[in-house]
All heavy atoms as atom14 arrays in JSON, in Angstrom:
{
  "sequence": "IGSYYSPYLKSQYDAGVADVPSLVANAGSGNVIAFDEENLAVGDC",
  "atom14_mask": [
    [1, 1, 1, 1, 1, 1, 1, 1, 0, 0, 0, 0, 0, 0],
    [1, 1, 1, 1, 0, 0, 0, 0, 0, 0, 0, 0, 0, 0],
    [1, 1, 1, 1, 1, 1, 0, 0, 0, 0, 0, 0, 0, 0],
    [1, 1, 1, 1, 1, 1, 1, 1, 1, 1, 1, 1, 0, 0],
    [1, 1, 1, 1, 1, 1, 1, 1, 1, 1, 1, 1, 0, 0],
    [1, 1, 1, 1, 1, 1, 0, 0, 0, 0, 0, 0, 0, 0],
    [1, 1, 1, 1, 1, 1, 1, 0, 0, 0, 0, 0, 0, 0],
    [1, 1, 1, 1, 1, 1, 1, 1, 1, 1, 1, 1, 0, 0],
    [1, 1, 1, 1, 1, 1, 1, 1, 0, 0, 0, 0, 0, 0],
    [1, 1, 1, 1, 1, 1, 1, 1, 1, 0, 0, 0, 0, 0],
    [1, 1, 1, 1, 1, 1, 0, 0, 0, 0, 0, 0, 0, 0],
    [1, 1, 1, 1, 1, 1, 1, 1, 1, 0, 0, 0, 0, 0],
    [1, 1, 1, 1, 1, 1, 1, 1, 1, 1, 1, 1, 0, 0],
    [1, 1, 1, 1, 1, 1, 1, 1, 0, 0, 0, 0, 0, 0],
    [1, 1, 1, 1, 1, 0, 0, 0, 0, 0, 0, 0, 0, 0],
    [1, 1, 1, 1, 0, 0, 0, 0, 0, 0, 0, 0, 0, 0],
    [1, 1, 1, 1, 1, 1, 1, 0, 0, 0, 0, 0, 0, 0],
    [1, 1, 1, 1, 1, 0, 0, 0, 0, 0, 0, 0, 0, 0],
    [1, 1, 1, 1, 1, 1, 1, 1, 0, 0, 0, 0, 0, 0],
    [1, 1, 1, 1, 1, 1, 1, 0, 0, 0, 0, 0, 0, 0],
    [1, 1, 1, 1, 1, 1, 1, 0, 0, 0, 0, 0, 0, 0],
    [1, 1, 1, 1, 1, 1, 0, 0, 0, 0, 0, 0, 0, 0],
    [1, 1, 1, 1, 1, 1, 1, 1, 0, 0, 0, 0, 0, 0],
    [1, 1, 1, 1, 1, 1, 1, 0, 0, 0, 0, 0, 0, 0],
    [1, 1, 1, 1, 1, 0, 0, 0, 0, 0, 0, 0, 0, 0],
    [1, 1, 1, 1, 1, 1, 1, 1, 0, 0, 0, 0, 0, 0],
    [1, 1, 1, 1, 1, 0, 0, 0, 0, 0, 0, 0, 0, 0],
    [1, 1, 1, 1, 0, 0, 0, 0, 0, 0, 0, 0, 0, 0],
    [1, 1, 1, 1, 1, 1, 0, 0, 0, 0, 0, 0, 0, 0],
    [1, 1, 1, 1, 0, 0, 0, 0, 0, 0, 0, 0, 0, 0],
    [1, 1, 1, 1, 1, 1, 1, 1, 0, 0, 0, 0, 0, 0],
    [1, 1, 1, 1, 1, 1, 1, 0, 0, 0, 0, 0, 0, 0],
    [1, 1, 1, 1, 1, 1, 1, 1, 0, 0, 0, 0, 0, 0],
    [1, 1, 1, 1, 1, 0, 0, 0, 0, 0, 0, 0, 0, 0],
    [1, 1, 1, 1, 1, 1, 1, 1, 1, 1, 1, 0, 0, 0],
    [1, 1, 1, 1, 1, 1, 1, 1, 0, 0, 0, 0, 0, 0],
    [1, 1, 1, 1, 1, 1, 1, 1, 1, 0, 0, 0, 0, 0],
    [1, 1, 1, 1, 1, 1, 1, 1, 1, 0, 0, 0, 0, 0],
    [1, 1, 1, 1, 1, 1, 1, 1, 0, 0, 0, 0, 0, 0],
    [1, 1, 1, 1, 1, 1, 1, 1, 0, 0, 0, 0, 0, 0],
    [1, 1, 1, 1, 1, 0, 0, 0, 0, 0, 0, 0, 0, 0],
    [1, 1, 1, 1, 1, 1, 1, 0, 0, 0, 0, 0, 0, 0],
    [1, 1, 1, 1, 0, 0, 0, 0, 0, 0, 0, 0, 0, 0],
    [1, 1, 1, 1, 1, 1, 1, 1, 0, 0, 0, 0, 0, 0],
    [1, 1, 1, 1, 1, 1, 0, 0, 0, 0, 0, 0, 0, 0]
  ],
  "atom14_positions": [
    [[0.84, -1.21, 0.0], [0.0, 0.0, 0.0], [0.87, 1.25, 0.0], [0.64, 2.2, -0.75], [-0.94, -0.01, 1.22], [-1.92, -1.17, 1.12], [-1.7, 1.32, 1.31], [-2.73, -1.42, 2.39], [0.0, 0.0, 0.0], [0.0, 0.0, 0.0], [0.0, 0.0, 0.0], [0.0, 0.0, 0.0], [0.0, 0.0, 0.0], [0.0, 0.0, 0.0]],
    [[1.9, 1.27, 0.83], [2.72, 2.46, 0.99], [3.66, 2.75, -0.16], [4.11, 3.88, -0.32], [0.0, 0.0, 0.0], [0.0, 0.0, 0.0], [0.0, 0.0, 0.0], [0.0, 0.0, 0.0], [0.0, 0.0, 0.0], [0.0, 0.0, 0.0], [0.0, 0.0, 0.0], [0.0, 0.0, 0.0], [0.0, 0.0, 0.0], [0.0, 0.0, 0.0]],
    [[3.95, 1.74, -0.99], [4.9, 1.96, -2.08], [4.39, 2.98, -3.09], [5.16, 3.52, -3.88], [5.22, 0.64, -2.78], [4.05, 0.11, -3.4], [0.0, 0.0, 0.0], [0.0, 0.0, 0.0], [0.0, 0.0, 0.0], [0.0, 0.0, 0.0], [0.0, 0.0, 0.0], [0.0, 0.0, 0.0], [0.0, 0.0, 0.0], [0.0, 0.0, 0.0]],
    [[3.1, 3.27, -3.07], [2.54, 4.23, -4.02], [3.04, 5.65, -3.75], [3.2, 6.44, -4.66], [1.01, 4.18, -3.96], [0.34, 4.83, -5.14], [0.03, 4.1, -6.27], [0.04, 6.2, -5.12], [-0.58, 4.69, -7.34], [-0.57, 6.8, -6.2], [-0.88, 6.04, -7.3], [-1.48, 6.63, -8.38], [0.0, 0.0, 0.0], [0.0, 0.0, 0.0]],
    [[3.29, 5.97, -2.46], [3.69, 7.34, -2.14], [5.03, 7.43, -1.42], [5.61, 8.5, -1.34], [2.62, 8.0, -1.24], [2.44, 7.32, 0.1], [3.23, 7.67, 1.2], [1.5, 6.31, 0.28], [3.09, 7.04, 2.42], [1.34, 5.68, 1.51], [2.14, 6.04, 2.57], [1.99, 5.41, 3.76], [0.0, 0.0, 0.0], [0.0, 0.0, 0.0]],
    [[5.55, 6.31, -0.89], [6.77, 6.36, -0.09], [7.9, 5.59, -0.77], [7.83, 4.36, -0.89], [6.51, 5.74, 1.29], [7.73, 5.48, 1.97], [0.0, 0.0, 0.0], [0.0, 0.0, 0.0], [0.0, 0.0, 0.0], [0.0, 0.0, 0.0], [0.0, 0.0, 0.0], [0.0, 0.0, 0.0], [0.0, 0.0, 0.0], [0.0, 0.0, 0.0]],
    [[8.97, 6.28, -1.2], [10.11, 5.58, -1.78], [10.7, 4.55, -0.81], [11.19, 3.51, -1.23], [11.11, 6.7, -2.07], [10.27, 7.91, -2.25], [9.11, 7.75, -1.3], [0.0, 0.0, 0.0], [0.0, 0.0, 0.0], [0.0, 0.0, 0.0], [0.0, 0.0, 0.0], [0.0, 0.0, 0.0], [0.0, 0.0, 0.0], [0.0, 0.0, 0.0]],
    [[10.65, 4.85, 0.5], [11.21, 3.91, 1.47], [10.4, 2.61, 1.49], [10.97, 1.52, 1.42], [11.24, 4.51, 2.87], [11.62, 3.47, 3.9], [12.91, 2.94, 3.93], [10.69, 2.98, 4.81], [13.26, 1.96, 4.84], [11.03, 2.01, 5.73], [12.32, 1.49, 5.73], [12.66, 0.5, 6.62], [0.0, 0.0, 0.0], [0.0, 0.0, 0.0]],
    [[9.08, 2.72, 1.58], [8.26, 1.51, 1.6], [8.37, 0.75, 0.29], [8.35, -0.48, 0.26], [6.81, 1.86, 1.91], [6.54, 2.3, 3.35], [5.09, 2.72, 3.53], [6.92, 1.2, 4.35], [0.0, 0.0, 0.0], [0.0, 0.0, 0.0], [0.0, 0.0, 0.0], [0.0, 0.0, 0.0], [0.0, 0.0, 0.0], [0.0, 0.0, 0.0]],
    [[8.52, 1.47, -0.81], [8.72, 0.8, -2.09], [10.03, 0.03, -2.11], [10.1, -1.11, -2.58], [8.71, 1.79, -3.26], [8.87, 1.13, -4.63], [8.86, 2.15, -5.74], [8.9, 1.46, -7.09], [10.07, 0.59, -7.28], [0.0, 0.0, 0.0], [0.0, 0.0, 0.0], [0.0, 0.0, 0.0], [0.0, 0.0, 0.0], [0.0, 0.0, 0.0]],
    [[11.08, 0.63, -1.54], [12.37, -0.07, -1.51], [12.29, -1.33, -0.67], [12.9, -2.36, -1.0], [13.46, 0.86, -0.97], [13.35, 1.05, 0.44], [0.0, 0.0, 0.0], [0.0, 0.0, 0.0], [0.0, 0.0, 0.0], [0.0, 0.0, 0.0], [0.0, 0.0, 0.0], [0.0, 0.0, 0.0], [0.0, 0.0, 0.0], [0.0, 0.0, 0.0]],
    [[11.52, -1.28, 0.41], [11.37, -2.46, 1.26], [10.54, -3.54, 0.57], [10.83, -4.74, 0.68], [10.73, -2.07, 2.59], [11.54, -1.06, 3.4], [12.94, -1.57, 3.7], [13.14, -2.41, 4.56], [13.94, -1.07, 2.98], [0.0, 0.0, 0.0], [0.0, 0.0, 0.0], [0.0, 0.0, 0.0], [0.0, 0.0, 0.0], [0.0, 0.0, 0.0]],
    [[9.52, -3.11, -0.16], [8.72, -4.07, -0.94], [9.58, -4.73, -2.01], [9.56, -5.96, -2.19], [7.53, -3.36, -1.58], [6.78, -4.22, -2.56], [6.03, -5.32, -2.15], [6.84, -3.94, -3.93], [5.36, -6.11, -3.04], [6.16, -4.73, -4.83], [5.42, -5.81, -4.4], [4.76, -6.6, -5.31], [0.0, 0.0, 0.0], [0.0, 0.0, 0.0]],
    [[10.36, -3.92, -2.73], [11.21, -4.45, -3.8], [12.26, -5.41, -3.25], [12.66, -6.36, -3.92], [11.91, -3.31, -4.55], [10.94, -2.47, -5.36], [9.84, -2.97, -5.66], [11.28, -1.32, -5.69], [0.0, 0.0, 0.0], [0.0, 0.0, 0.0], [0.0, 0.0, 0.0], [0.0, 0.0, 0.0], [0.0, 0.0, 0.0], [0.0, 0.0, 0.0]],
    [[12.73, -5.14, -2.02], [13.76, -5.99, -1.4], [13.16, -7.23, -0.75], [13.9, -8.08, -0.25], [14.55, -5.19, -0.37], [0.0, 0.0, 0.0], [0.0, 0.0, 0.0], [0.0, 0.0, 0.0], [0.0, 0.0, 0.0], [0.0, 0.0, 0.0], [0.0, 0.0, 0.0], [0.0, 0.0, 0.0], [0.0, 0.0, 0.0], [0.0, 0.0, 0.0]],
    [[11.84, -7.34, -0.72], [11.21, -8.52, -0.14], [11.18, -8.54, 1.38], [11.03, -9.6, 1.98], [0.0, 0.0, 0.0], [0.0, 0.0, 0.0], [0.0, 0.0, 0.0], [0.0, 0.0, 0.0], [0.0, 0.0, 0.0], [0.0, 0.0, 0.0], [0.0, 0.0, 0.0], [0.0, 0.0, 0.0], [0.0, 0.0, 0.0], [0.0, 0.0, 0.0]],
    [[11.34, -7.37, 2.02], [11.3, -7.32, 3.48], [9.9, -7.72, 3.95], [8.89, -7.21, 3.46], [11.65, -5.9, 3.98], [11.44, -5.79, 5.49], [13.09, -5.57, 3.62], [0.0, 0.0, 0.0], [0.0, 0.0, 0.0], [0.0, 0.0, 0.0], [0.0, 0.0, 0.0], [0.0, 0.0, 0.0], [0.0, 0.0, 0.0], [0.0, 0.0, 0.0]],
    [[9.85, -8.64, 4.92], [8.55, -9.17, 5.35], [8.41, -9.26, 6.86], [7.45, -9.84, 7.36], [8.3, -10.54, 4.73], [0.0, 0.0, 0.0], [0.0, 0.0, 0.0], [0.0, 0.0, 0.0], [0.0, 0.0, 0.0], [0.0, 0.0, 0.0], [0.0, 0.0, 0.0], [0.0, 0.0, 0.0], [0.0, 0.0, 0.0], [0.0, 0.0, 0.0]],
    [[9.37, -8.69, 7.61], [9.26, -8.74, 9.07], [9.4, -7.35, 9.65], [10.12, -6.5, 9.12], [10.33, -9.67, 9.66], [11.75, -9.17, 9.4], [12.22, -9.33, 8.25], [12.36, -8.61, 10.31], [0.0, 0.0, 0.0], [0.0, 0.0, 0.0], [0.0, 0.0, 0.0], [0.0, 0.0, 0.0], [0.0, 0.0, 0.0], [0.0, 0.0, 0.0]],
    [[8.69, -7.09, 10.73], [8.64, -5.76, 11.33], [10.01, -5.29, 11.84], [10.38, -4.14, 11.61], [7.59, -5.7, 12.45], [7.5, -4.29, 13.02], [6.22, -6.14, 11.93], [0.0, 0.0, 0.0], [0.0, 0.0, 0.0], [0.0, 0.0, 0.0], [0.0, 0.0, 0.0], [0.0, 0.0, 0.0], [0.0, 0.0, 0.0], [0.0, 0.0, 0.0]],
    [[10.8, -6.13, 12.54], [12.1, -5.64, 13.01], [12.98, -5.09, 11.88], [13.65, -4.06, 12.06], [12.73, -6.88, 13.67], [11.56, -7.69, 14.13], [10.53, -7.5, 13.07], [0.0, 0.0, 0.0], [0.0, 0.0, 0.0], [0.0, 0.0, 0.0], [0.0, 0.0, 0.0], [0.0, 0.0, 0.0], [0.0, 0.0, 0.0], [0.0, 0.0, 0.0]],
    [[12.99, -5.75, 10.73], [13.8, -5.26, 9.61], [13.24, -3.95, 9.07], [13.99, -3.03, 8.74], [13.84, -6.3, 8.49], [14.53, -7.45, 8.9], [0.0, 0.0, 0.0], [0.0, 0.0, 0.0], [0.0, 0.0, 0.0], [0.0, 0.0, 0.0], [0.0, 0.0, 0.0], [0.0, 0.0, 0.0], [0.0, 0.0, 0.0], [0.0, 0.0, 0.0]],
    [[11.91, -3.86, 8.96], [11.3, -2.63, 8.47], [11.67, -1.45, 9.36], [11.98, -0.36, 8.87], [9.78, -2.79, 8.41], [9.0, -1.64, 7.79], [9.21, -1.6, 6.29], [7.51, -1.75, 8.1], [0.0, 0.0, 0.0], [0.0, 0.0, 0.0], [0.0, 0.0, 0.0], [0.0, 0.0, 0.0], [0.0, 0.0, 0.0], [0.0, 0.0, 0.0]],
    [[11.68, -1.66, 10.68], [12.03, -0.6, 11.62], [13.52, -0.26, 11.52], [13.91, 0.9, 11.43], [11.68, -1.02, 13.07], [12.22, -0.01, 14.07], [10.16, -1.17, 13.22], [0.0, 0.0, 0.0], [0.0, 0.0, 0.0], [0.0, 0.0, 0.0], [0.0, 0.0, 0.0], [0.0, 0.0, 0.0], [0.0, 0.0, 0.0], [0.0, 0.0, 0.0]],
    [[14.36, -1.29, 11.52], [15.82, -1.06, 11.5], [16.26, -0.38, 10.22], [17.11, 0.52, 10.23], [16.55, -2.39, 11.68], [0.0, 0.0, 0.0], [0.0, 0.0, 0.0], [0.0, 0.0, 0.0], [0.0, 0.0, 0.0], [0.0, 0.0, 0.0], [0.0, 0.0, 0.0], [0.0, 0.0, 0.0], [0.0, 0.0, 0.0], [0.0, 0.0, 0.0]],
    [[15.71, -0.79, 9.09], [16.12, -0.23, 7.79], [15.74, 1.22, 7.63], [16.33, 1.93, 6.81], [15.52, -1.05, 6.65], [16.06, -2.47, 6.6], [17.08, -2.77, 7.2], [15.38, -3.35, 5.88], [0.0, 0.0, 0.0], [0.0, 0.0, 0.0], [0.0, 0.0, 0.0], [0.0, 0.0, 0.0], [0.0, 0.0, 0.0], [0.0, 0.0, 0.0]],
    [[14.73, 1.67, 8.38], [14.3, 3.07, 8.27], [15.32, 4.04, 8.84], [15.35, 5.21, 8.47], [12.95, 3.25, 8.97], [0.0, 0.0, 0.0], [0.0, 0.0, 0.0], [0.0, 0.0, 0.0], [0.0, 0.0, 0.0], [0.0, 0.0, 0.0], [0.0, 0.0, 0.0], [0.0, 0.0, 0.0], [0.0, 0.0, 0.0], [0.0, 0.0, 0.0]],
    [[16.17, 3.57, 9.75], [17.15, 4.46, 10.37], [16.57, 5.15, 11.59], [15.38, 5.51, 11.62], [0.0, 0.0, 0.0], [0.0, 0.0, 0.0], [0.0, 0.0, 0.0], [0.0, 0.0, 0.0], [0.0, 0.0, 0.0], [0.0, 0.0, 0.0], [0.0, 0.0, 0.0], [0.0, 0.0, 0.0], [0.0, 0.0, 0.0], [0.0, 0.0, 0.0]],
    [[17.4, 5.36, 12.58], [16.92, 5.88, 13.87], [16.27, 7.25, 13.74], [15.34, 7.58, 14.48], [18.08, 5.96, 14.87], [19.12, 6.8, 14.36], [0.0, 0.0, 0.0], [0.0, 0.0, 0.0], [0.0, 0.0, 0.0], [0.0, 0.0, 0.0], [0.0, 0.0, 0.0], [0.0, 0.0, 0.0], [0.0, 0.0, 0.0], [0.0, 0.0, 0.0]],
    [[16.71, 8.07, 12.8], [16.14, 9.41, 12.64], [14.72, 9.41, 12.14], [14.02, 10.44, 12.24], [0.0, 0.0, 0.0], [0.0, 0.0, 0.0], [0.0, 0.0, 0.0], [0.0, 0.0, 0.0], [0.0, 0.0, 0.0], [0.0, 0.0, 0.0], [0.0, 0.0, 0.0], [0.0, 0.0, 0.0], [0.0, 0.0, 0.0], [0.0, 0.0, 0.0]],
    [[14.26, 8.29, 11.6], [12.91, 8.22, 11.05], [11.98, 7.37, 11.9], [10.83, 7.15, 11.5], [12.97, 7.66, 9.63], [13.72, 8.57, 8.7], [13.41, 9.74, 8.58], [14.75, 8.03, 8.06], [0.0, 0.0, 0.0], [0.0, 0.0, 0.0], [0.0, 0.0, 0.0], [0.0, 0.0, 0.0], [0.0, 0.0, 0.0], [0.0, 0.0, 0.0]],
    [[12.46, 6.88, 13.03], [11.63, 6.09, 13.94], [11.56, 6.82, 15.27], [12.59, 7.14, 15.88], [12.22, 4.67, 14.14], [11.34, 3.87, 15.08], [12.37, 3.95, 12.8], [0.0, 0.0, 0.0], [0.0, 0.0, 0.0], [0.0, 0.0, 0.0], [0.0, 0.0, 0.0], [0.0, 0.0, 0.0], [0.0, 0.0, 0.0], [0.0, 0.0, 0.0]],
    [[10.34, 7.13, 15.71], [10.16, 7.87, 16.95], [9.18, 7.11, 17.85], [8.42, 6.25, 17.39], [9.64, 9.3, 16.7], [8.28, 9.27, 16.0], [10.65, 10.09, 15.88], [7.65, 10.64, 15.8], [0.0, 0.0, 0.0], [0.0, 0.0, 0.0], [0.0, 0.0, 0.0], [0.0, 0.0, 0.0], [0.0, 0.0, 0.0], [0.0, 0.0, 0.0]],
    [[9.2, 7.44, 19.13], [8.26, 6.83, 20.07], [6.84, 7.25, 19.7], [6.6, 8.36, 19.22], [8.59, 7.26, 21.5], [0.0, 0.0, 0.0], [0.0, 0.0, 0.0], [0.0, 0.0, 0.0], [0.0, 0.0, 0.0], [0.0, 0.0, 0.0], [0.0, 0.0, 0.0], [0.0, 0.0, 0.0], [0.0, 0.0, 0.0], [0.0, 0.0, 0.0]],
    [[5.9, 6.34, 19.92], [4.52, 6.63, 19.55], [3.96, 7.77, 20.39], [4.06, 7.78, 21.62], [3.63, 5.4, 19.73], [2.2, 5.68, 19.33], [1.81, 5.6, 18.01], [1.26, 6.05, 20.29], [0.5, 5.88, 17.64], [-0.05, 6.34, 19.93], [-0.43, 6.24, 18.59], [0.0, 0.0, 0.0], [0.0, 0.0, 0.0], [0.0, 0.0, 0.0]],
    [[3.39, 8.74, 19.69], [2.66, 9.83, 20.31], [1.68, 10.31, 19.24], [2.09, 10.72, 18.15], [3.6, 10.96, 20.72], [2.89, 12.09, 21.44], [1.65, 12.24, 21.26], [3.55, 12.83, 22.17], [0.0, 0.0, 0.0], [0.0, 0.0, 0.0], [0.0, 0.0, 0.0], [0.0, 0.0, 0.0], [0.0, 0.0, 0.0], [0.0, 0.0, 0.0]],
    [[0.4, 10.24, 19.53], [-0.6, 10.59, 18.52], [-0.42, 12.0, 18.0], [-0.78, 12.32, 16.87], [-2.01, 10.4, 19.1], [-3.09, 10.38, 18.03], [-4.43, 9.96, 18.56], [-4.51, 9.49, 19.72], [-5.42, 10.09, 17.82], [0.0, 0.0, 0.0], [0.0, 0.0, 0.0], [0.0, 0.0, 0.0], [0.0, 0.0, 0.0], [0.0, 0.0, 0.0]],
    [[0.18, 12.86, 18.81], [0.43, 14.24, 18.39], [1.39, 14.29, 17.2], [1.35, 15.22, 16.39], [1.03, 15.05, 19.56], [0.11, 15.23, 20.74], [-0.86, 16.37, 20.54], [-0.49, 17.35, 19.87], [-1.99, 16.27, 21.04], [0.0, 0.0, 0.0], [0.0, 0.0, 0.0], [0.0, 0.0, 0.0], [0.0, 0.0, 0.0], [0.0, 0.0, 0.0]],
    [[2.29, 13.29, 17.09], [3.3, 13.27, 16.02], [2.91, 12.37, 14.86], [3.72, 12.1, 13.98], [4.64, 12.81, 16.58], [5.19, 13.75, 17.63], [5.04, 14.97, 17.52], [5.8, 13.21, 18.68], [0.0, 0.0, 0.0], [0.0, 0.0, 0.0], [0.0, 0.0, 0.0], [0.0, 0.0, 0.0], [0.0, 0.0, 0.0], [0.0, 0.0, 0.0]],
    [[1.67, 11.9, 14.84], [1.23, 10.95, 13.83], [0.65, 11.69, 12.64], [-0.24, 12.54, 12.78], [0.17, 10.02, 14.45], [-0.15, 8.7, 13.75], [1.12, 7.87, 13.53], [-1.16, 7.92, 14.57], [0.0, 0.0, 0.0], [0.0, 0.0, 0.0], [0.0, 0.0, 0.0], [0.0, 0.0, 0.0], [0.0, 0.0, 0.0], [0.0, 0.0, 0.0]],
    [[1.15, 11.38, 11.44], [0.65, 11.99, 10.21], [0.13, 10.89, 9.29], [0.59, 9.74, 9.35], [1.76, 12.77, 9.51], [0.0, 0.0, 0.0], [0.0, 0.0, 0.0], [0.0, 0.0, 0.0], [0.0, 0.0, 0.0], [0.0, 0.0, 0.0], [0.0, 0.0, 0.0], [0.0, 0.0, 0.0], [0.0, 0.0, 0.0], [0.0, 0.0, 0.0]],
    [[-0.81, 11.24, 8.44], [-1.33, 10.28, 7.46], [-0.17, 9.76, 6.62], [0.65, 10.52, 6.11], [-2.38, 10.96, 6.56], [-2.78, 10.02, 5.42], [-3.59, 11.35, 7.37], [0.0, 0.0, 0.0], [0.0, 0.0, 0.0], [0.0, 0.0, 0.0], [0.0, 0.0, 0.0], [0.0, 0.0, 0.0], [0.0, 0.0, 0.0], [0.0, 0.0, 0.0]],
    [[-0.1, 8.44, 6.51], [0.98, 7.82, 5.74], [2.09, 7.25, 6.6], [2.93, 6.49, 6.11], [0.0, 0.0, 0.0], [0.0, 0.0, 0.0], [0.0, 0.0, 0.0], [0.0, 0.0, 0.0], [0.0, 0.0, 0.0], [0.0, 0.0, 0.0], [0.0, 0.0, 0.0], [0.0, 0.0, 0.0], [0.0, 0.0, 0.0], [0.0, 0.0, 0.0]],
    [[2.12, 7.62, 7.89], [3.11, 7.04, 8.79], [2.76, 5.58, 9.09], [1.59, 5.18, 9.05], [3.15, 7.81, 10.11], [3.82, 9.16, 10.0], [4.54, 9.38, 9.02], [3.6, 9.99, 10.92], [0.0, 0.0, 0.0], [0.0, 0.0, 0.0], [0.0, 0.0, 0.0], [0.0, 0.0, 0.0], [0.0, 0.0, 0.0], [0.0, 0.0, 0.0]],
    [[3.77, 4.8, 9.42], [3.55, 3.43, 9.88], [3.48, 3.41, 11.41], [4.34, 4.0, 12.07], [4.68, 2.51, 9.4], [4.57, 2.05, 7.67], [0.0, 0.0, 0.0], [0.0, 0.0, 0.0], [0.0, 0.0, 0.0], [0.0, 0.0, 0.0], [0.0, 0.0, 0.0], [0.0, 0.0, 0.0], [0.0, 0.0, 0.0], [0.0, 0.0, 0.0]]
  ]
}
């Protein structure tokens, strides 16, 4: 679903990533934040 608008999600789809730990790790620490609904935007995972 996300590959339509997110180059990152498309890269993960193309690479065959299928587990959550890899999806989180591959995003890089700067793009993963603690959950807070205030920081949630449409399209975020």
